[in-house]
C-alpha atoms as a PDB file:
ATOM      1  CA  VAL A   1     -19.441  -6.496 -33.367  1.00  0.00           C
ATOM      2  CA  ASN A   2     -20.510  -7.817 -36.767  1.00  0.00           C
ATOM      3  CA  LYS A   3     -22.766  -4.738 -37.193  1.00  0.00           C
ATOM      4  CA  SER A   4     -24.204  -5.043 -33.685  1.00  0.00           C
ATOM      5  CA  PRO A   5     -23.310  -1.914 -31.686  1.00  0.00           C
ATOM      6  CA  ILE A   6     -22.148  -1.904 -28.092  1.00  0.00           C
ATOM      7  CA  SER A   7     -23.582   1.132 -26.355  1.00  0.00           C
ATOM      8  CA  ARG A   8     -21.899   3.135 -23.625  1.00  0.00           C
ATOM      9  CA  TRP A   9     -24.869   2.276 -21.384  1.00  0.00           C
ATOM     10  CA  GLU A  10     -24.294  -1.459 -21.943  1.00  0.00           C
ATOM     11  CA  LEU A  11     -20.570  -1.063 -21.274  1.00  0.00           C
ATOM     12  CA  ASN A  12     -21.169   0.984 -18.102  1.00  0.00           C
ATOM     13  CA  THR A  13     -23.756  -1.503 -16.842  1.00  0.00           C
ATOM     14  CA  LYS A  14     -21.360  -4.449 -17.303  1.00  0.00           C
ATOM     15  CA  MET A  15     -18.499  -2.547 -15.689  1.00  0.00           C
ATOM     16  CA  ALA A  16     -20.702  -1.573 -12.740  1.00  0.00           C
ATOM     17  CA  GLN A  17     -21.774  -5.189 -12.258  1.00  0.00           C
ATOM     18  CA  LYS A  18     -18.210  -6.430 -12.393  1.00  0.00           C
ATOM     19  CA  TYR A  19     -16.286  -3.711 -10.537  1.00  0.00           C
ATOM     20  CA  ALA A  20     -18.782  -1.705  -8.453  1.00  0.00           C
ATOM     21  CA  ALA A  21     -18.253  -3.455  -5.101  1.00  0.00           C
ATOM     22  CA  GLN A  22     -14.451  -3.387  -5.365  1.00  0.00           C
ATOM     23  CA  THR A  23     -14.406   0.249  -6.478  1.00  0.00           C
ATOM     24  CA  PHE A  24     -16.832   1.214  -3.713  1.00  0.00           C
ATOM     25  CA  GLU A  25     -14.591  -0.415  -1.080  1.00  0.00           C
ATOM     26  CA  GLU A  26     -11.553   1.404  -2.483  1.00  0.00           C
ATOM     27  CA  ILE A  27     -13.359   4.740  -2.156  1.00  0.00           C
ATOM     28  CA  VAL A  28     -14.489   3.902   1.392  1.00  0.00           C
ATOM     29  CA  SER A  29     -10.886   2.989   2.313  1.00  0.00           C
ATOM     30  CA  GLU A  30      -9.549   6.233   0.858  1.00  0.00           C
ATOM     31  CA  ARG A  31     -12.139   8.322   2.711  1.00  0.00           C
ATOM     32  CA  LEU A  32     -11.517   6.555   6.034  1.00  0.00           C
ATOM     33  CA  LEU A  33      -7.770   7.010   5.670  1.00  0.00           C
ATOM     34  CA  THR A  34      -8.096  10.707   4.780  1.00  0.00           C
ATOM     35  CA  GLU A  35     -10.472  11.269   7.696  1.00  0.00           C
ATOM     36  CA  ASN A  36      -8.134   9.552  10.167  1.00  0.00           C
ATOM     37  CA  LEU A  37      -5.035  11.334   8.889  1.00  0.00           C
ATOM     38  CA  LYS A  38      -6.779  14.670   9.507  1.00  0.00           C
ATOM     39  CA  LYS A  39      -8.058  13.525  12.893  1.00  0.00           C
ATOM     40  CA  ASN A  40      -4.523  12.550  13.952  1.00  0.00           C
ATOM     41  CA  LYS A  41      -2.966  15.678  12.363  1.00  0.00           C
ATOM     42  CA  ILE A  42      -0.759  13.592  10.087  1.00  0.00           C
ATOM     43  CA  VAL A  43       0.585  15.254   6.959  1.00  0.00           C
ATOM     44  CA  VAL A  44       2.413  13.619   4.069  1.00  0.00           C
ATOM     45  CA  THR A  45       4.761  16.068   2.385  1.00  0.00           C
ATOM     46  CA  ASP A  46       5.562  16.260  -1.323  1.00  0.00           C
ATOM     47  CA  LYS A  47       9.203  15.593  -0.431  1.00  0.00           C
ATOM     48  CA  GLU A  48       8.289  12.335   1.326  1.00  0.00           C
ATOM     49  CA  VAL A  49       6.343  11.260  -1.749  1.00  0.00           C
ATOM     50  CA  SER A  50       9.107  12.220  -4.189  1.00  0.00           C
ATOM     51  CA  ASP A  51      11.754  10.482  -2.033  1.00  0.00           C
ATOM     52  CA  GLU A  52       9.662   7.302  -1.946  1.00  0.00           C
ATOM     53  CA  LEU A  53       9.056   7.534  -5.705  1.00  0.00           C
ATOM     54  CA  ALA A  54      12.813   7.801  -6.274  1.00  0.00           C
ATOM     55  CA  LYS A  55      13.386   4.644  -4.167  1.00  0.00           C
ATOM     56  CA  ILE A  56      10.717   2.769  -6.090  1.00  0.00           C
ATOM     57  CA  LYS A  57      12.159   3.809  -9.457  1.00  0.00           C
ATOM     58  CA  LEU A  58      15.557   2.613  -8.280  1.00  0.00           C
ATOM     59  CA  GLN A  59      14.056  -0.760  -7.284  1.00  0.00           C
ATOM     60  CA  TYR A  60      12.571  -1.112 -10.769  1.00  0.00           C
ATOM     61  CA  GLY A  61      15.894  -0.304 -12.391  1.00  0.00           C
ATOM     62  CA  GLY A  62      15.187   3.230 -13.561  1.00  0.00           C
ATOM     63  CA  GLU A  63      12.613   5.603 -14.972  1.00  0.00           C
ATOM     64  CA  GLU A  64      11.735   3.620 -18.101  1.00  0.00           C
ATOM     65  CA  GLN A  65      11.300   0.298 -16.283  1.00  0.00           C
ATOM     66  CA  PHE A  66       9.117   2.039 -13.694  1.00  0.00           C
ATOM     67  CA  LYS A  67       6.911   3.582 -16.404  1.00  0.00           C
ATOM     68  CA  THR A  68       6.609   0.207 -18.107  1.00  0.00           C
ATOM     69  CA  ALA A  69       5.638  -1.463 -14.822  1.00  0.00           C
ATOM     70  CA  ILE A  70       2.940   1.052 -13.905  1.00  0.00           C
ATOM     71  CA  ALA A  71       1.565   0.934 -17.446  1.00  0.00           C
ATOM     72  CA  GLN A  72       1.154  -2.843 -17.072  1.00  0.00           C
ATOM     73  CA  PHE A  73      -1.039  -2.157 -14.029  1.00  0.00           C
ATOM     74  CA  GLY A  74      -3.029   0.427 -15.956  1.00  0.00           C
ATOM     75  CA  MET A  75      -1.639   3.254 -13.831  1.00  0.00           C
ATOM     76  CA  THR A  76      -0.306   6.671 -14.632  1.00  0.00           C
ATOM     77  CA  GLU A  77       2.491   8.350 -12.709  1.00  0.00           C
ATOM     78  CA  ALA A  78      -0.114  10.654 -11.116  1.00  0.00           C
ATOM     79  CA  LYS A  79      -2.038   7.611  -9.848  1.00  0.00           C
ATOM     80  CA  ALA A  80       1.216   6.058  -8.604  1.00  0.00           C
ATOM     81  CA  LEU A  81       1.995   9.273  -6.703  1.00  0.00           C
ATOM     82  CA  GLN A  82      -1.471   9.220  -5.141  1.00  0.00           C
ATOM     83  CA  SER A  83      -0.985   5.588  -4.123  1.00  0.00           C
ATOM     84  CA  ILE A  84       2.449   6.351  -2.641  1.00  0.00           C
ATOM     85  CA  LYS A  85       0.992   9.271  -0.670  1.00  0.00           C
ATOM     86  CA  GLN A  86      -1.758   7.043   0.738  1.00  0.00           C
ATOM     87  CA  SER A  87       0.759   4.341   1.609  1.00  0.00           C
ATOM     88  CA  ILE A  88       3.013   6.790   3.458  1.00  0.00           C
ATOM     89  CA  GLY A  89      -0.020   8.238   5.250  1.00  0.00           C
ATOM     90  CA  LEU A  90      -1.185   4.801   6.356  1.00  0.00           C
ATOM     91  CA  LYS A  91       2.316   3.919   7.566  1.00  0.00           C
ATOM     92  CA  LYS A  92       2.536   7.144   9.584  1.00  0.00           C
ATOM     93  CA  LEU A  93      -0.933   6.561  11.014  1.00  0.00           C
ATOM     94  CA  VAL A  94      -0.131   2.999  12.066  1.00  0.00           C
ATOM     95  CA  GLU A  95       3.168   4.092  13.612  1.00  0.00           C
ATOM     96  CA  THR A  96       1.351   6.893  15.489  1.00  0.00           C
ATOM     97  CA  ILE A  97      -1.298   4.547  16.878  1.00  0.00           C
ATOM     98  CA  ASN A  98       0.951   1.533  17.562  1.00  0.00           C
ATOM     99  CA  LYS A  99       4.407   1.120  18.980  1.00  0.00           C
ATOM    100  CA  ILE A 100       6.056  -1.440  16.721  1.00  0.00           C
ATOM    101  CA  GLU A 101       9.179  -2.732  18.386  1.00  0.00           C
ATOM    102  CA  ILE A 102      11.483  -5.248  16.734  1.00  0.00           C
ATOM    103  CA  LYS A 103      13.454  -7.220  19.305  1.00  0.00           C
ATOM    104  CA  ASP A 104      16.881  -8.755  18.718  1.00  0.00           C
ATOM    105  CA  GLU A 105      15.377 -12.230  19.286  1.00  0.00           C
ATOM    106  CA  ALA A 106      12.961 -11.683  16.388  1.00  0.00           C
ATOM    107  CA  ILE A 107      15.827 -10.619  14.131  1.00  0.00           C
ATOM    108  CA  SER A 108      17.834 -13.724  15.085  1.00  0.00           C
ATOM    109  CA  GLN A 109      14.830 -15.955  14.550  1.00  0.00           C
ATOM    110  CA  TYR A 110      14.144 -14.464  11.114  1.00  0.00           C
ATOM    111  CA  PHE A 111      17.801 -14.941  10.176  1.00  0.00           C
ATOM    112  CA  THR A 112      17.656 -18.586  11.309  1.00  0.00           C
ATOM    113  CA  ASP A 113      14.334 -19.253   9.563  1.00  0.00           C
ATOM    114  CA  ASN A 114      15.592 -17.742   6.297  1.00  0.00           C
ATOM    115  CA  LYS A 115      19.208 -18.943   6.229  1.00  0.00           C
ATOM    116  CA  THR A 116      19.088 -19.777   2.538  1.00  0.00           C
ATOM    117  CA  SER A 117      18.271 -16.137   1.727  1.00  0.00           C
ATOM    118  CA  PHE A 118      21.300 -15.003   3.697  1.00  0.00           C
ATOM    119  CA  ALA A 119      23.780 -17.680   2.609  1.00  0.00           C
ATOM    120  CA  GLY A 120      27.355 -16.638   3.294  1.00  0.00           C
ATOM    121  CA  LYS A 121      26.320 -13.613   5.353  1.00  0.00           C
ATOM    122  CA  LYS A 122      26.637 -12.980   9.048  1.00  0.00           C
ATOM    123  CA  LEU A 123      23.711 -11.880  11.181  1.00  0.00           C
ATOM    124  CA  GLU A 124      25.525  -8.635  12.031  1.00  0.00           C
ATOM    125  CA  ASP A 125      25.776  -7.787   8.322  1.00  0.00           C
ATOM    126  CA  VAL A 126      22.060  -8.209   7.613  1.00  0.00           C
ATOM    127  CA  ALA A 127      20.466  -7.288  10.953  1.00  0.00           C
ATOM    128  CA  THR A 128      19.434  -3.817   9.755  1.00  0.00           C
ATOM    129  CA  GLU A 129      17.881  -5.271   6.594  1.00  0.00           C
ATOM    130  CA  ILE A 130      16.011  -7.915   8.613  1.00  0.00           C
ATOM    131  CA  LYS A 131      14.797  -5.303  11.091  1.00  0.00           C
ATOM    132  CA  GLU A 132      13.352  -3.264   8.204  1.00  0.00           C
ATOM    133  CA  ILE A 133      11.623  -6.366   6.786  1.00  0.00           C
ATOM    134  CA  LEU A 134      10.111  -7.176  10.182  1.00  0.00           C
ATOM    135  CA  LEU A 135       9.075  -3.549  10.663  1.00  0.00           C
ATOM    136  CA  GLN A 136       7.309  -3.530   7.292  1.00  0.00           C
ATOM    137  CA  GLN A 137       5.557  -6.799   8.177  1.00  0.00           C
ATOM    138  CA  GLY A 138       4.474  -5.319  11.500  1.00  0.00           C
ATOM    139  CA  ILE A 139       3.165  -2.177   9.825  1.00  0.00           C
ATOM    140  CA  TYR A 140       1.258  -4.277   7.294  1.00  0.00           C
ATOM    141  CA  THR A 141      -0.316  -6.440  10.017  1.00  0.00           C
ATOM    142  CA  LYS A 142      -1.245  -3.432  12.158  1.00  0.00           C
ATOM    143  CA  SER A 143      -2.655  -1.577   9.132  1.00  0.00           C
ATOM    144  CA  GLN A 144      -4.897  -4.551   8.326  1.00  0.00           C
ATOM    145  CA  GLU A 145      -6.070  -4.704  11.939  1.00  0.00           C
ATOM    146  CA  TRP A 146      -6.642  -0.934  11.943  1.00  0.00           C
ATOM    147  CA  TYR A 147      -8.619  -1.002   8.720  1.00  0.00           C
ATOM    148  CA  THR A 148     -10.767  -3.960   9.840  1.00  0.00           C
ATOM    149  CA  GLN A 149     -11.655  -2.128  13.048  1.00  0.00           C
ATOM    150  CA  ILE A 150     -12.196   1.293  11.498  1.00  0.00           C
ATOM    151  CA  ARG A 151     -14.316  -0.194   8.696  1.00  0.00           C
ATOM    152  CA  LYS A 152     -16.430  -2.066  11.262  1.00  0.00           C
ATOM    153  CA  ASP A 153     -16.990   1.142  13.238  1.00  0.00           C
ATOM    154  CA  ALA A 154     -17.698   3.348  10.208  1.00  0.00           C
ATOM    155  CA  LYS A 155     -21.204   4.238   9.214  1.00  0.00           C
ATOM    156  CA  VAL A 156     -21.302   3.375   5.515  1.00  0.00           C
ATOM    157  CA  SER A 157     -24.467   3.398   3.423  1.00  0.00           C
ATOM    158  CA  SER A 158     -24.423   2.083  -0.103  1.00  0.00           C
ATOM    159  CA  PHE A 159     -27.114   2.803  -2.643  1.00  0.00           C
ATOM    160  CA  LEU A 160     -25.554   0.778  -5.457  1.00  0.00           C
END
């Protein structure tokens, strides 16, 4: 910058100060998930990952829109595949550990609470969609509870 060099050491030091704690927690999360998937004999197949990737690409409107979106997040398709695999693994783990049951009353309540989103539709027509939304919310909640507990119980030493 105006004849003043920026060294790799200076760059690495600044990056470590800014991102070290977050990156460390991401690595800890990945290791805990991998360990617990093995412990519970849960396997995520390549087909499950490719099927989920196809759904995601469809949601984005196609291959090009998907590539544009992941590029905006600084991701490659390989990183996206890794993230999808972890997400599927976590979902399977949570579903193995917890019985998540969506009752008809919860579906009706969600429909009532979100009437504007379902304007002109009958409960019977959107019940399956609502059940999936509630299931995903339940999985998310249980995964957060699981991670909080497993992180608390883990023996983690940091020398950063």
